[in-house]
C-alpha atoms as a PDB file:
ATOM      1  CA  MET A   1      14.043  -2.751   6.329  1.00  0.00           C
ATOM      2  CA  GLU A   2      10.993  -1.915   7.936  1.00  0.00           C
ATOM      3  CA  THR A   3       7.076  -3.417   7.790  1.00  0.00           C
ATOM      4  CA  LEU A   4       4.857  -1.243   7.116  1.00  0.00           C
ATOM      5  CA  LYS A   5       1.426  -1.485   7.960  1.00  0.00           C
ATOM      6  CA  PHE A   6      -1.867   0.211   6.517  1.00  0.00           C
ATOM      7  CA  LYS A   7      -5.698  -0.034   6.838  1.00  0.00           C
ATOM      8  CA  THR A   8      -7.181   0.506   2.664  1.00  0.00           C
ATOM      9  CA  ASN A   9     -10.345   0.654   0.828  1.00  0.00           C
ATOM     10  CA  ILE A  10      -8.393  -2.420  -2.019  1.00  0.00           C
ATOM     11  CA  LYS A  11     -11.275  -4.575  -2.071  1.00  0.00           C
ATOM     12  CA  CYS A  12     -10.776  -6.873  -4.544  1.00  0.00           C
ATOM     13  CA  GLY A  13      -7.923  -8.706  -7.934  1.00  0.00           C
ATOM     14  CA  GLY A  14      -9.240  -5.437  -9.240  1.00  0.00           C
ATOM     15  CA  CYS A  15      -8.208  -2.766  -7.025  1.00  0.00           C
ATOM     16  CA  ILE A  16      -5.417  -4.554  -6.439  1.00  0.00           C
ATOM     17  CA  ALA A  17      -4.303  -4.495  -9.954  1.00  0.00           C
ATOM     18  CA  ALA A  18      -5.176  -0.139 -10.299  1.00  0.00           C
ATOM     19  CA  VAL A  19      -2.546   0.053  -7.526  1.00  0.00           C
ATOM     20  CA  THR A  20       0.025  -2.317  -8.678  1.00  0.00           C
ATOM     21  CA  PRO A  21       1.673   0.426 -10.933  1.00  0.00           C
ATOM     22  CA  HIS A  22       1.327   3.543  -8.306  1.00  0.00           C
ATOM     23  CA  LEU A  23       3.137   0.755  -5.670  1.00  0.00           C
ATOM     24  CA  ASN A  24       5.670  -0.994  -7.843  1.00  0.00           C
ATOM     25  CA  ASN A  25       7.035   3.046  -8.834  1.00  0.00           C
ATOM     26  CA  LEU A  26       7.935   3.539  -5.307  1.00  0.00           C
ATOM     27  CA  SER A  27      11.521   2.727  -5.322  1.00  0.00           C
ATOM     28  CA  ALA A  28      11.797   2.100  -2.080  1.00  0.00           C
ATOM     29  CA  ILE A  29       9.504  -0.670  -1.816  1.00  0.00           C
ATOM     30  CA  LYS A  30      11.271  -3.987  -1.832  1.00  0.00           C
ATOM     31  CA  LYS A  31       7.451  -6.045  -1.199  1.00  0.00           C
ATOM     32  CA  TRP A  32       3.553  -5.185  -0.480  1.00  0.00           C
ATOM     33  CA  GLU A  33       0.826  -6.622  -0.470  1.00  0.00           C
ATOM     34  CA  VAL A  34      -3.026  -6.343   0.524  1.00  0.00           C
ATOM     35  CA  ASP A  35      -5.571  -9.214   2.489  1.00  0.00           C
ATOM     36  CA  THR A  36      -8.789  -8.693   0.688  1.00  0.00           C
ATOM     37  CA  GLN A  37      -9.662 -10.910   3.472  1.00  0.00           C
ATOM     38  CA  ASN A  38      -8.886  -9.514   6.419  1.00  0.00           C
ATOM     39  CA  PRO A  39     -12.158  -6.828   7.217  1.00  0.00           C
ATOM     40  CA  ASP A  40      -9.362  -4.048   7.188  1.00  0.00           C
ATOM     41  CA  LYS A  41      -7.994  -4.834   3.978  1.00  0.00           C
ATOM     42  CA  ILE A  42      -4.533  -4.734   5.129  1.00  0.00           C
ATOM     43  CA  LEU A  43      -1.750  -3.027   3.038  1.00  0.00           C
ATOM     44  CA  THR A  44       1.866  -4.761   4.034  1.00  0.00           C
ATOM     45  CA  VAL A  45       4.647  -2.960   2.673  1.00  0.00           C
ATOM     46  CA  GLU A  46       8.252  -3.808   3.156  1.00  0.00           C
ATOM     47  CA  VAL A  47      10.496  -0.740   2.386  1.00  0.00           C
ATOM     48  CA  LYS A  48      14.063   0.178   2.475  1.00  0.00           C
ATOM     49  CA  GLN A  49      15.280   3.074   4.525  1.00  0.00           C
ATOM     50  CA  GLY A  50      14.150   6.544   3.694  1.00  0.00           C
ATOM     51  CA  ILE A  51      10.400   6.431   2.789  1.00  0.00           C
ATOM     52  CA  ASP A  52       7.803   7.808   4.663  1.00  0.00           C
ATOM     53  CA  THR A  53       4.612   7.037   5.320  1.00  0.00           C
ATOM     54  CA  ASP A  54       2.993   9.932   3.576  1.00  0.00           C
ATOM     55  CA  GLN A  55       4.223   8.661   0.434  1.00  0.00           C
ATOM     56  CA  ILE A  56       2.846   5.565   0.481  1.00  0.00           C
ATOM     57  CA  ILE A  57      -0.360   7.450   1.835  1.00  0.00           C
ATOM     58  CA  ASP A  58      -0.182   9.799  -1.363  1.00  0.00           C
ATOM     59  CA  THR A  59      -0.331   7.449  -3.772  1.00  0.00           C
ATOM     60  CA  LEU A  60      -2.909   5.634  -3.064  1.00  0.00           C
ATOM     61  CA  GLU A  61      -4.821   8.458  -2.710  1.00  0.00           C
ATOM     62  CA  GLU A  62      -3.159   9.343  -5.986  1.00  0.00           C
ATOM     63  CA  ALA A  63      -4.172   5.982  -7.411  1.00  0.00           C
ATOM     64  CA  GLY A  64      -8.328   6.497  -5.935  1.00  0.00           C
ATOM     65  CA  TYR A  65      -7.708   4.542  -2.898  1.00  0.00           C
ATOM     66  CA  LYS A  66      -7.720   5.107   1.213  1.00  0.00           C
ATOM     67  CA  ALA A  67      -4.985   3.748   3.546  1.00  0.00           C
ATOM     68  CA  GLU A  68      -4.331   4.928   7.107  1.00  0.00           C
ATOM     69  CA  LYS A  69      -1.640   3.946   9.423  1.00  0.00           C
ATOM     70  CA  ILE A  70      -2.031   1.375  11.511  1.00  0.00           C
END
């Protein structure tokens, strides 16, 4: 298992609710969370093997949010 971190523009609970169905549809993601208290709004994702970071970034963009791998 691998942990990936992304800087995002997910700011609040409403934003988290908006991305939840998109991230939950990625079967390679075991668990994810967003630290909205952090100024960089860090998304931490625990993934199984076989997922590309671009796939997570693209999924967030489909939901209307930006992400940058850190």
